[in-house]
Amino acid sequence: PVVGTGNPLSVLLGPGIIGQLYDGIQRPLRELSKASGSFIGRGITTTPVDMTKKYHFVPTVKNGDVVHPGNVIGTVQETDLIEHSIMVPPDHPGGVVSSIVSEGDYDLETEIAKTEKDGKSIILKMYHKWPVRKPRPYKDRYDPTVPLLTGQRVIDTFFPIAKGGTGSIPGAFGTGKTVTLHQIAKWADSQVVVYIGCGERGNEMTEVLVEFPHLKDPRSGKPLMDRTVLVANTSNMPVAAREASIYTGVTIAEYYRDMGKDVVLVADSTSRWAEALREMSGRLEEMPAEEGYPSYLASRLAEFYERAGRVRAMGSPDRDGSVTLVGAVSPSGGDFTEPVTTHTMRFIKTFWALDAKLAYSRHYPSINWMNSYSGYLADISKWWGENINGDWLSLRSEAYGVLQREDTLKEIVRLLGPEALPDEEKLILEVARMIKIGLLQQNSFDDVDTYCSPEKQYKLLKLLVDFYRKGQQALKEGAELSDIRAMGVIGSMLKARMEVKDDEMAKLEQLDKDMQEQFKAITGVKVSN
């Protein structure tokens, strides 16, 4: 029989979540598969985490201490990468610690502490529950000024996203949304990744499950599954759970944010979530709005994206954490004017528009540099200036200017051919080609090229912009464009992204010297030894 609990849909938050594979209502699919095989049997359920597993608990408060909502009362080592803070729940009234266990191994059902307030005693365990549709409270909110480094050059250099920011990847079928999201989930410099497969193919979740345990985190050298939570609601799973899956994922993300961790939440795809919303709205006989979606689609999307942010957590000690939300949008036929895409664009600050033409011409990631934008450039340029180099923003602007000029020249080339252009504009076309091949393109299956450090990104960008500046100067000094095109260093510059490893910056310095010498040679200046 079905019995109402009288409570809103809630998730269990405690040690053991990392590395799990859940469905949209936090049922652990690995455990369910042992009970019912490949398909979930009707009414089968189990606890979201192993309640009998023992964790080594280290208390950080003592008897007589006053605790408030959000205070850390102890820590456990959840995985090699994650130290899990045991916190007083945000809806706890606070009080004085009347008892706390000593350091040792305990399971999740053990009463680890008791608090007293106004004569009432409240038991604390290593876990608590929280409603998924209610954002977890925080003390303070900060501007997102630190970039989320993904190791993808077109994102980090041209259209960056900040920690605590919001981004969207809309694209038609086959443009590479899932691979781009997988790359962000693999290489983003966050401590926790929550990957929500919402209404997409089951094989894509399988790919994550197969790949991530073998891949190593570039910063720690540990398996990526040691920092990942998967929420799988594939296209043949119940619609109601698909609608809930995004809230389940973002609640788990906020929980780890409250520990002072940077979390990335990847949702693939919010369009399928909106379709689940539409299906449920139809069954409830609500009045449909544009394209059959419910009239509250925009407010639901806003509720989701507004849960991103870089915040100071409640309680003590002081902890700063962030939740970065990245959602894929799958507009049918690649139509960016459909409701989910247009509403999403209102609530996000970074927009990576995938282009079918680029994808079909084998240019990956197929992020169209003319249609994409980032609202975080001004916020994060200070970080690049302090940590990498002060001229990063000017170099990025100059390279982007070349791509914009090339876009305007393409129409003339299409009508009259490239020979109708003066040499200065032919140089722009050549440098734009080099930027596209040597910087924007990235092979996610190449061991060296799959991840690019910020230092290497800056060096490659500087190399290409220096080539453009020196090319302009050489043309003014009477050099022939054919001589510039024939320079041997061009091939090496285009291959550098795949041949130069992140710890081999000296090779890029040598490329810069070779380029300067070759420019001296073609402008008739004698090269000194």
Protein backbone atom coordinates (compact mmCIF):
# COMPACT_ATOMS: atom_id res chain seq x y z
CA PRO A 1 0.00 0.00 0.00
CA VAL A 2 1.04 3.61 -0.63
CA VAL A 3 1.23 5.70 2.53
CA GLY A 4 1.77 9.47 2.64
CA THR A 5 4.71 10.52 4.81
CA GLY A 6 3.42 14.04 5.32
CA ASN A 7 6.88 15.38 4.41
CA PRO A 8 8.16 17.00 1.20
CA LEU A 9 10.59 14.99 -0.97
CA SER A 10 13.85 15.05 1.02
CA VAL A 11 17.34 13.62 0.57
CA LEU A 12 19.64 12.07 3.14
CA LEU A 13 22.85 14.05 3.55
CA GLY A 14 25.85 12.40 5.21
CA PRO A 15 29.08 10.47 4.57
CA GLY A 16 28.94 7.88 1.78
CA ILE A 17 27.34 10.02 -0.95
CA ILE A 18 30.56 10.50 -2.96
CA GLY A 19 31.05 7.81 -5.61
CA GLN A 20 27.39 6.79 -5.52
CA LEU A 21 25.05 6.35 -8.50
CA TYR A 22 21.54 7.52 -7.62
CA ASP A 23 18.26 7.79 -9.46
CA GLY A 24 16.24 11.03 -9.30
CA ILE A 25 14.90 10.40 -5.78
CA GLN A 26 18.22 9.25 -4.27
CA ARG A 27 17.78 5.50 -4.52
CA PRO A 28 21.24 3.86 -4.94
CA LEU A 29 21.06 2.05 -8.28
CA ARG A 30 23.98 -0.30 -7.57
CA GLU A 31 22.15 -1.66 -4.50
CA LEU A 32 18.85 -1.88 -6.38
CA SER A 33 20.49 -3.83 -9.22
CA LYS A 34 21.58 -6.48 -6.71
CA ALA A 35 17.98 -6.79 -5.52
CA SER A 36 16.09 -6.65 -8.82
CA GLY A 37 18.54 -6.90 -11.73
CA SER A 38 18.71 -4.44 -14.63
CA PHE A 39 15.23 -2.99 -14.08
CA ILE A 40 13.90 -1.50 -10.84
CA GLY A 41 11.09 -3.63 -9.44
CA ARG A 42 7.92 -1.95 -8.23
CA GLY A 43 8.19 -0.65 -4.66
CA ILE A 44 11.85 -1.64 -4.20
CA THR A 45 13.81 0.83 -2.11
CA THR A 46 16.81 0.95 0.21
CA THR A 47 18.79 3.52 2.19
CA PRO A 48 20.71 6.08 0.05
CA VAL A 49 24.02 5.31 1.83
CA ASP A 50 25.34 2.30 3.74
CA MET A 51 24.12 3.01 7.29
CA THR A 52 26.27 0.22 8.77
CA LYS A 53 29.61 1.37 7.33
CA LYS A 54 31.89 2.77 10.04
CA TYR A 55 33.72 6.09 9.61
CA HIS A 56 36.53 7.46 11.77
CA PHE A 57 34.93 10.45 13.51
CA VAL A 58 37.12 13.25 14.92
CA PRO A 59 35.10 15.66 17.15
CA THR A 60 35.83 19.38 16.90
CA VAL A 61 33.59 20.53 19.80
CA LYS A 62 33.42 19.48 23.46
CA ASN A 63 30.80 19.26 26.19
CA GLY A 64 29.50 22.68 27.21
CA ASP A 65 30.21 24.35 23.85
CA VAL A 66 27.39 26.41 22.34
CA VAL A 67 26.53 25.37 18.78
CA HIS A 68 24.44 27.15 16.16
CA PRO A 69 22.90 25.95 12.87
CA GLY A 70 25.68 25.09 10.40
CA ASN A 71 28.44 24.61 13.02
CA VAL A 72 30.94 21.83 12.29
CA ILE A 73 30.95 19.36 15.20
CA GLY A 74 33.42 16.85 13.73
CA THR A 75 35.01 15.44 10.58
CA VAL A 76 35.29 12.05 8.85
CA GLN A 77 37.47 11.05 5.88
CA GLU A 78 34.86 10.08 3.27
CA THR A 79 37.29 9.34 0.39
CA ASP A 80 41.00 9.98 -0.19
CA LEU A 81 40.03 13.38 -1.66
CA ILE A 82 37.10 14.43 0.53
CA GLU A 83 37.22 15.29 4.22
CA HIS A 84 33.56 15.33 5.20
CA SER A 85 32.43 17.90 7.79
CA ILE A 86 29.63 16.75 10.10
CA MET A 87 27.46 19.85 10.54
CA VAL A 88 24.58 20.88 12.76
CA PRO A 89 21.54 20.90 10.39
CA PRO A 90 20.47 24.39 9.20
CA ASP A 91 16.99 23.94 10.73
CA HIS A 92 18.39 22.91 14.15
CA PRO A 93 17.54 25.42 16.93
CA GLY A 94 21.10 25.34 18.32
CA GLY A 95 21.96 24.96 21.98
CA VAL A 96 24.63 23.67 24.37
CA VAL A 97 26.46 20.39 23.67
CA SER A 98 25.47 18.07 26.53
CA SER A 99 27.35 15.02 25.22
CA ILE A 100 29.65 14.15 22.31
CA VAL A 101 31.39 10.87 21.49
CA SER A 102 35.17 10.61 21.64
CA GLU A 103 37.32 10.05 18.54
CA GLY A 104 36.68 6.62 17.03
CA ASP A 105 34.86 4.54 14.41
CA TYR A 106 31.06 4.89 14.28
CA ASP A 107 28.29 4.07 11.83
CA LEU A 108 25.71 6.60 10.64
CA GLU A 109 22.97 5.57 13.08
CA THR A 110 25.18 6.18 16.14
CA GLU A 111 24.15 9.15 18.31
CA ILE A 112 27.33 11.22 18.11
CA ALA A 113 26.12 14.28 20.03
CA LYS A 114 23.25 15.74 22.06
CA THR A 115 22.31 19.38 22.46
CA GLU A 116 20.15 21.02 25.13
CA LYS A 117 18.04 24.14 24.70
CA ASP A 118 15.11 25.34 26.83
CA GLY A 119 15.01 21.97 28.59
CA LYS A 120 14.68 20.07 25.30
CA SER A 121 17.29 17.52 24.22
CA ILE A 122 18.04 16.97 20.49
CA ILE A 123 20.09 14.03 19.19
CA LEU A 124 22.61 14.59 16.38
CA LYS A 125 23.80 11.82 14.06
CA MET A 126 26.30 11.90 11.19
CA TYR A 127 23.47 12.53 8.71
CA HIS A 128 20.37 14.67 8.42
CA LYS A 129 17.59 15.11 5.86
CA TRP A 130 16.77 18.18 3.82
CA PRO A 131 13.85 19.00 1.43
CA VAL A 132 15.14 19.12 -2.15
CA ARG A 133 13.09 22.13 -3.28
CA LYS A 134 14.22 24.33 -0.37
CA PRO A 135 17.60 26.08 -0.92
CA ARG A 136 20.02 25.58 1.99
CA PRO A 137 20.63 28.87 3.84
CA TYR A 138 24.01 30.63 4.05
CA LYS A 139 25.53 33.56 5.90
CA ASP A 140 26.85 35.75 3.08
CA ARG A 141 27.15 35.77 -0.71
CA TYR A 142 30.20 36.94 -2.71
CA ASP A 143 30.83 38.12 -6.24
CA PRO A 144 32.16 35.28 -8.42
CA THR A 145 35.74 36.50 -9.05
CA VAL A 146 37.69 33.21 -9.27
CA PRO A 147 37.56 31.36 -12.61
CA LEU A 148 36.48 27.73 -12.77
CA LEU A 149 39.38 26.27 -14.75
CA THR A 150 38.15 23.46 -17.00
CA GLY A 151 41.31 22.83 -19.03
CA GLN A 152 39.31 23.61 -22.21
CA ARG A 153 40.95 26.54 -24.01
CA VAL A 154 37.87 27.94 -25.76
CA ILE A 155 36.09 28.07 -22.37
CA ASP A 156 38.90 29.25 -20.07
CA THR A 157 40.44 31.78 -22.47
CA PHE A 158 37.51 33.12 -24.49
CA PHE A 159 34.26 32.39 -22.60
CA PRO A 160 35.21 31.68 -18.97
CA ILE A 161 32.87 30.77 -16.15
CA ALA A 162 33.51 31.74 -12.52
CA LYS A 163 33.23 29.55 -9.43
CA GLY A 164 29.68 30.09 -8.25
CA GLY A 165 28.60 31.07 -11.75
CA THR A 166 25.96 29.78 -14.16
CA GLY A 167 26.50 28.51 -17.68
CA SER A 168 24.54 26.85 -20.44
CA ILE A 169 25.46 24.71 -23.45
CA PRO A 170 22.67 24.71 -26.04
CA GLY A 171 23.17 22.69 -29.19
CA ALA A 172 21.38 20.56 -31.74
CA PHE A 173 21.71 16.79 -31.95
CA GLY A 174 25.29 15.62 -32.53
CA THR A 175 27.05 18.91 -31.78
CA GLY A 176 29.02 17.56 -28.82
CA LYS A 177 27.09 18.73 -25.73
CA THR A 178 27.67 15.55 -23.75
CA VAL A 179 31.39 15.28 -24.57
CA THR A 180 31.89 18.95 -23.58
CA LEU A 181 30.03 18.37 -20.30
CA HIS A 182 32.07 15.22 -19.67
CA GLN A 183 35.25 17.27 -20.17
CA ILE A 184 34.05 19.87 -17.64
CA ALA A 185 33.12 17.12 -15.16
CA LYS A 186 36.53 15.45 -15.62
CA TRP A 187 38.92 18.38 -15.46
CA ALA A 188 37.20 21.28 -13.64
CA ASP A 189 39.26 22.46 -10.64
CA SER A 190 36.48 21.79 -8.14
CA GLN A 191 36.59 19.42 -5.18
CA VAL A 192 33.21 17.78 -5.90
CA VAL A 193 31.35 17.11 -9.16
CA VAL A 194 27.63 16.27 -9.29
CA TYR A 195 26.70 14.88 -12.73
CA ILE A 196 22.96 14.68 -13.45
CA GLY A 197 22.00 12.59 -16.49
CA CYS A 198 18.48 13.90 -16.87
CA GLY A 199 16.38 12.20 -19.56
CA GLU A 200 19.29 11.41 -21.89
CA ARG A 201 20.67 8.07 -23.12
CA GLY A 202 21.64 5.39 -20.63
CA ASN A 203 24.85 4.73 -22.57
CA GLU A 204 26.12 8.22 -21.70
CA MET A 205 25.84 7.48 -17.98
CA THR A 206 27.50 4.11 -18.59
CA GLU A 207 30.39 5.93 -20.28
CA VAL A 208 30.88 8.08 -17.17
CA LEU A 209 30.75 5.00 -14.94
CA VAL A 210 33.30 3.17 -17.08
CA GLU A 211 35.70 6.10 -17.69
CA PHE A 212 35.81 8.02 -14.42
CA PRO A 213 37.27 5.28 -12.16
CA HIS A 214 40.24 4.94 -14.56
CA LEU A 215 40.86 8.68 -15.01
CA LYS A 216 43.09 10.49 -12.54
CA ASP A 217 42.41 13.95 -11.15
CA PRO A 218 45.25 16.15 -12.60
CA ARG A 219 45.74 17.97 -9.28
CA SER A 220 45.70 15.04 -6.81
CA GLY A 221 46.41 11.96 -8.96
CA LYS A 222 43.42 10.12 -7.39
CA PRO A 223 40.56 8.48 -9.38
CA LEU A 224 37.89 10.97 -10.50
CA MET A 225 35.11 8.84 -8.96
CA ASP A 226 36.54 9.80 -5.54
CA ARG A 227 35.01 13.26 -6.01
CA THR A 228 31.95 12.50 -8.17
CA VAL A 229 28.26 11.90 -7.45
CA LEU A 230 26.09 10.61 -10.30
CA VAL A 231 22.33 11.16 -10.51
CA ALA A 232 21.02 9.01 -13.37
CA ASN A 233 17.52 9.52 -14.70
CA THR A 234 17.72 8.14 -18.20
CA SER A 235 14.98 8.61 -20.80
CA ASN A 236 13.10 5.40 -19.89
CA MET A 237 12.90 6.14 -16.15
CA PRO A 238 9.79 7.64 -14.48
CA VAL A 239 8.95 11.21 -15.47
CA ALA A 240 8.23 12.36 -11.90
CA ALA A 241 11.69 11.26 -10.75
CA ARG A 242 13.27 13.03 -13.75
CA GLU A 243 11.59 16.27 -12.70
CA ALA A 244 12.93 15.77 -9.15
CA SER A 245 16.45 14.70 -10.20
CA ILE A 246 17.76 18.25 -10.78
CA TYR A 247 16.63 19.31 -7.29
CA THR A 248 18.16 16.18 -5.75
CA GLY A 249 21.49 16.96 -7.44
CA VAL A 250 21.58 20.64 -6.48
CA THR A 251 20.70 19.85 -2.83
CA ILE A 252 23.64 17.43 -2.63
CA ALA A 253 25.83 20.13 -4.24
CA GLU A 254 24.73 22.73 -1.66
CA TYR A 255 25.50 20.28 1.17
CA TYR A 256 29.14 19.96 0.06
CA ARG A 257 29.27 23.73 -0.59
CA ASP A 258 28.37 24.26 3.08
CA MET A 259 31.52 22.31 4.04
CA GLY A 260 33.58 24.97 2.23
CA LYS A 261 34.08 23.05 -1.01
CA ASP A 262 33.86 24.18 -4.63
CA VAL A 263 31.20 22.09 -6.38
CA VAL A 264 30.35 21.82 -10.08
CA LEU A 265 26.89 20.59 -10.99
CA VAL A 266 26.44 19.42 -14.58
CA ALA A 267 22.86 18.82 -15.81
CA ASP A 268 22.43 16.97 -19.10
CA SER A 269 19.89 18.06 -20.17
CA THR A 270 17.55 20.73 -18.77
CA SER A 271 15.39 20.39 -21.91
CA ARG A 272 14.44 16.83 -20.93
CA TRP A 273 13.69 18.11 -17.41
CA ALA A 274 11.41 20.78 -18.92
CA GLU A 275 9.70 18.08 -21.02
CA ALA A 276 9.03 16.10 -17.81
CA LEU A 277 7.57 19.29 -16.32
CA ARG A 278 5.35 19.64 -19.42
CA GLU A 279 4.19 16.01 -19.21
CA MET A 280 3.29 16.28 -15.52
CA SER A 281 1.59 19.63 -16.09
CA GLY A 282 -0.53 18.02 -18.82
CA ARG A 283 -1.58 15.19 -16.51
CA LEU A 284 -2.57 17.76 -13.88
CA GLU A 285 -4.72 19.44 -16.59
CA GLU A 286 -2.98 22.80 -16.15
CA MET A 287 -3.34 25.48 -18.81
CA PRO A 288 -0.40 25.12 -21.26
CA ALA A 289 1.68 28.10 -22.38
CA GLU A 290 4.17 28.41 -25.26
CA GLU A 291 4.84 25.07 -27.03
CA GLY A 292 2.81 23.24 -24.39
CA TYR A 293 5.22 24.05 -21.53
CA PRO A 294 3.57 25.17 -18.27
CA SER A 295 3.37 28.90 -17.63
CA TYR A 296 5.69 28.52 -14.60
CA LEU A 297 8.61 27.12 -16.68
CA ALA A 298 10.58 30.39 -16.35
CA SER A 299 10.16 30.59 -12.56
CA ARG A 300 11.22 26.92 -12.14
CA LEU A 301 14.34 27.50 -14.26
CA ALA A 302 15.09 30.64 -12.21
CA GLU A 303 14.69 28.67 -8.95
CA PHE A 304 17.26 26.17 -10.19
CA TYR A 305 19.90 28.59 -11.53
CA GLU A 306 19.59 30.95 -8.54
CA ARG A 307 20.88 28.16 -6.29
CA ALA A 308 24.34 28.72 -7.80
CA GLY A 309 26.72 31.07 -6.00
CA ARG A 310 29.90 31.58 -4.01
CA VAL A 311 28.95 31.87 -0.34
CA ARG A 312 30.11 31.99 3.28
CA ALA A 313 28.47 29.01 5.02
CA MET A 314 26.45 29.29 8.22
CA GLY A 315 28.05 28.55 11.58
CA SER A 316 31.69 28.24 12.56
CA PRO A 317 34.47 27.86 11.62
CA ASP A 318 34.19 30.24 8.63
CA ARG A 319 33.94 28.28 5.37
CA ASP A 320 33.67 29.63 1.82
CA GLY A 321 32.24 27.32 -0.82
CA SER A 322 30.63 27.57 -4.24
CA VAL A 323 28.13 25.81 -6.49
CA THR A 324 28.66 26.30 -10.23
CA LEU A 325 25.71 25.23 -12.39
CA VAL A 326 26.17 24.19 -16.02
CA GLY A 327 23.09 22.99 -17.90
CA ALA A 328 22.87 21.52 -21.38
CA VAL A 329 19.88 22.58 -23.48
CA SER A 330 18.74 20.41 -26.39
CA PRO A 331 16.54 22.62 -28.59
CA SER A 332 14.77 20.55 -31.23
CA GLY A 333 16.28 21.25 -34.65
CA GLY A 334 18.86 23.59 -33.09
CA ASP A 335 16.24 26.35 -32.73
CA PHE A 336 17.59 28.75 -30.07
CA THR A 337 14.28 30.69 -30.00
CA GLU A 338 12.34 27.87 -28.29
CA PRO A 339 11.15 28.55 -24.70
CA VAL A 340 13.71 26.54 -22.68
CA THR A 341 16.69 28.20 -24.43
CA THR A 342 15.25 31.73 -24.31
CA HIS A 343 14.29 31.49 -20.62
CA THR A 344 17.65 29.90 -19.73
CA MET A 345 19.50 32.81 -21.39
CA ARG A 346 17.79 35.21 -18.97
CA PHE A 347 19.24 33.51 -15.89
CA ILE A 348 22.79 32.59 -16.93
CA LYS A 349 25.92 34.68 -17.50
CA THR A 350 27.96 32.30 -19.68
CA PHE A 351 26.52 30.98 -22.94
CA TRP A 352 28.42 28.39 -24.98
CA ALA A 353 26.50 28.09 -28.26
CA LEU A 354 27.31 24.86 -30.07
CA ASP A 355 27.28 25.04 -33.87
CA ALA A 356 26.28 22.07 -36.06
CA LYS A 357 28.38 23.42 -38.97
CA LEU A 358 31.51 23.44 -36.81
CA ALA A 359 30.72 19.95 -35.50
CA TYR A 360 30.19 18.54 -39.00
CA SER A 361 33.48 20.10 -40.14
CA ARG A 362 35.21 18.23 -37.26
CA HIS A 363 35.93 21.38 -35.24
CA TYR A 364 35.56 20.33 -31.58
CA PRO A 365 34.56 21.66 -29.11
CA SER A 366 32.07 23.16 -31.58
CA ILE A 367 31.51 26.34 -29.52
CA ASN A 368 30.68 29.14 -31.95
CA TRP A 369 32.87 32.11 -30.97
CA MET A 370 30.52 34.63 -32.61
CA ASN A 371 27.32 33.51 -30.82
CA SER A 372 28.79 32.67 -27.40
CA TYR A 373 29.43 35.12 -24.57
CA SER A 374 30.65 35.33 -20.98
CA GLY A 375 29.55 37.89 -18.42
CA TYR A 376 32.42 36.99 -16.06
CA LEU A 377 35.36 38.37 -18.09
CA ALA A 378 35.69 41.60 -16.11
CA ASP A 379 35.24 39.76 -12.78
CA ILE A 380 37.94 37.14 -13.32
CA SER A 381 40.52 39.16 -15.30
CA LYS A 382 42.05 40.28 -11.98
CA TRP A 383 42.69 36.60 -11.05
CA TRP A 384 44.44 35.96 -14.39
CA GLY A 385 46.46 39.15 -13.94
CA GLU A 386 47.62 38.19 -10.44
CA ASN A 387 48.20 34.46 -11.03
CA ILE A 388 49.22 34.11 -14.70
CA ASN A 389 50.06 37.43 -16.41
CA GLY A 390 48.83 41.01 -16.34
CA ASP A 391 48.32 41.29 -20.11
CA TRP A 392 45.99 38.25 -20.38
CA LEU A 393 42.83 40.33 -20.97
CA SER A 394 44.43 42.52 -23.67
CA LEU A 395 45.81 39.43 -25.48
CA ARG A 396 42.42 37.73 -25.29
CA SER A 397 40.70 40.87 -26.65
CA GLU A 398 43.19 41.14 -29.53
CA ALA A 399 42.79 37.47 -30.49
CA TYR A 400 39.00 37.76 -30.30
CA GLY A 401 39.18 40.92 -32.41
CA VAL A 402 41.01 38.94 -35.13
CA LEU A 403 38.23 36.33 -35.13
CA GLN A 404 35.58 39.06 -35.39
CA ARG A 405 37.42 40.76 -38.29
CA GLU A 406 37.72 37.41 -40.06
CA ASP A 407 33.96 36.90 -39.71
CA THR A 408 33.25 40.22 -41.45
CA LEU A 409 35.82 39.49 -44.19
CA LYS A 410 34.33 36.06 -44.94
CA GLU A 411 31.45 37.62 -46.91
CA ILE A 412 33.86 39.54 -49.17
CA VAL A 413 35.94 36.39 -49.68
CA ARG A 414 32.79 34.44 -50.57
CA LEU A 415 31.79 37.00 -53.21
CA LEU A 416 35.13 38.11 -54.67
CA GLY A 417 37.66 35.52 -53.50
CA PRO A 418 40.62 36.07 -51.15
CA GLU A 419 42.74 37.72 -53.87
CA ALA A 420 40.52 40.83 -53.72
CA LEU A 421 41.81 41.58 -50.21
CA PRO A 422 44.96 43.58 -49.38
CA ASP A 423 47.82 41.71 -47.70
CA GLU A 424 46.96 43.09 -44.23
CA GLU A 425 43.51 41.50 -44.40
CA LYS A 426 44.86 38.27 -45.90
CA LEU A 427 47.12 38.11 -42.82
CA ILE A 428 44.02 38.40 -40.61
CA LEU A 429 42.49 35.38 -42.39
CA GLU A 430 45.72 33.41 -41.92
CA VAL A 431 46.05 34.28 -38.21
CA ALA A 432 42.34 33.52 -37.60
CA ARG A 433 42.90 30.07 -39.16
CA MET A 434 45.88 29.55 -36.84
CA ILE A 435 43.86 30.63 -33.76
CA LYS A 436 41.05 28.21 -34.70
CA ILE A 437 43.37 25.24 -35.25
CA GLY A 438 46.06 26.00 -32.67
CA LEU A 439 43.92 27.35 -29.81
CA LEU A 440 40.17 26.82 -30.18
CA GLN A 441 40.23 23.20 -31.35
CA GLN A 442 40.90 20.58 -28.70
CA ASN A 443 41.01 16.80 -28.94
CA SER A 444 39.38 15.25 -25.86
CA PHE A 445 40.77 11.82 -26.82
CA ASP A 446 44.40 12.99 -26.99
CA ASP A 447 46.35 12.36 -23.77
CA VAL A 448 48.17 15.73 -23.94
CA ASP A 449 45.44 17.88 -25.50
CA THR A 450 42.49 16.73 -23.38
CA TYR A 451 43.52 19.08 -20.53
CA CYS A 452 45.41 22.37 -20.95
CA SER A 453 46.82 24.22 -17.93
CA PRO A 454 46.22 28.00 -17.62
CA GLU A 455 49.97 28.63 -18.09
CA LYS A 456 50.02 26.72 -21.38
CA GLN A 457 46.81 28.44 -22.52
CA TYR A 458 48.39 31.84 -21.89
CA LYS A 459 51.64 30.90 -23.71
CA LEU A 460 49.77 29.59 -26.77
CA LEU A 461 47.59 32.71 -26.85
CA LYS A 462 50.63 35.01 -26.54
CA LEU A 463 52.48 33.09 -29.27
CA LEU A 464 49.60 33.53 -31.74
CA VAL A 465 49.03 37.22 -30.90
CA ASP A 466 52.80 37.91 -31.18
CA PHE A 467 52.77 36.21 -34.60
CA TYR A 468 49.95 38.54 -35.70
CA ARG A 469 51.74 41.66 -34.41
CA LYS A 470 55.06 40.69 -36.00
CA GLY A 471 53.28 39.75 -39.23
CA GLN A 472 51.73 43.23 -39.43
CA GLN A 473 55.12 44.82 -38.75
CA ALA A 474 56.83 42.63 -41.37
CA LEU A 475 54.28 43.64 -44.05
CA LYS A 476 54.92 47.32 -43.24
CA GLU A 477 58.66 46.71 -43.66
CA GLY A 478 58.14 45.25 -47.13
CA ALA A 479 57.97 41.50 -46.48
CA GLU A 480 55.88 39.34 -48.81
CA LEU A 481 52.77 37.60 -47.44
CA SER A 482 53.84 34.40 -49.23
CA ASP A 483 57.08 34.44 -47.19
CA ILE A 484 55.10 34.78 -43.94
CA ARG A 485 52.82 31.88 -44.95
CA ALA A 486 55.86 29.74 -45.78
CA MET A 487 57.47 30.17 -42.34
CA GLY A 488 58.39 26.77 -40.87
CA VAL A 489 57.37 27.83 -37.37
CA ILE A 490 53.65 27.93 -38.30
CA GLY A 491 53.35 24.13 -38.43
CA SER A 492 55.08 23.80 -35.05
CA MET A 493 52.77 26.42 -33.52
CA LEU A 494 49.65 24.58 -34.72
CA LYS A 495 50.92 21.25 -33.34
CA ALA A 496 52.12 22.68 -30.00
CA ARG A 497 48.75 22.06 -28.30
CA MET A 498 49.20 18.30 -28.80
CA GLU A 499 52.99 18.01 -28.60
CA VAL A 500 53.96 20.30 -25.70
CA LYS A 501 53.00 18.97 -22.26
CA ASP A 502 51.94 21.26 -19.42
CA ASP A 503 55.35 20.94 -17.74
CA GLU A 504 57.33 21.70 -20.94
CA MET A 505 56.89 25.48 -21.19
CA ALA A 506 60.54 25.81 -22.31
CA LYS A 507 59.50 24.34 -25.69
CA LEU A 508 57.02 27.18 -26.18
CA GLU A 509 59.74 29.71 -25.24
CA GLN A 510 61.94 28.13 -27.93
CA LEU A 511 59.07 28.38 -30.45
CA ASP A 512 58.84 32.10 -29.67
CA LYS A 513 62.58 32.53 -30.34
CA ASP A 514 62.33 30.56 -33.60
CA MET A 515 59.43 32.76 -34.71
CA GLN A 516 61.37 35.97 -34.01
CA GLU A 517 64.39 34.71 -35.95
CA GLN A 518 62.28 33.67 -38.93
CA PHE A 519 60.58 37.08 -39.00
CA LYS A 520 64.00 38.77 -38.92
CA ALA A 521 65.08 36.60 -41.84
CA ILE A 522 62.12 37.52 -44.09
CA THR A 523 62.32 41.25 -43.33
CA GLY A 524 65.95 41.31 -44.47
CA VAL A 525 67.41 41.97 -41.03
CA LYS A 526 70.54 39.95 -40.36
CA VAL A 527 69.99 37.43 -37.57
CA SER A 528 72.64 37.69 -34.89
CA ASN A 529 73.93 34.46 -33.36
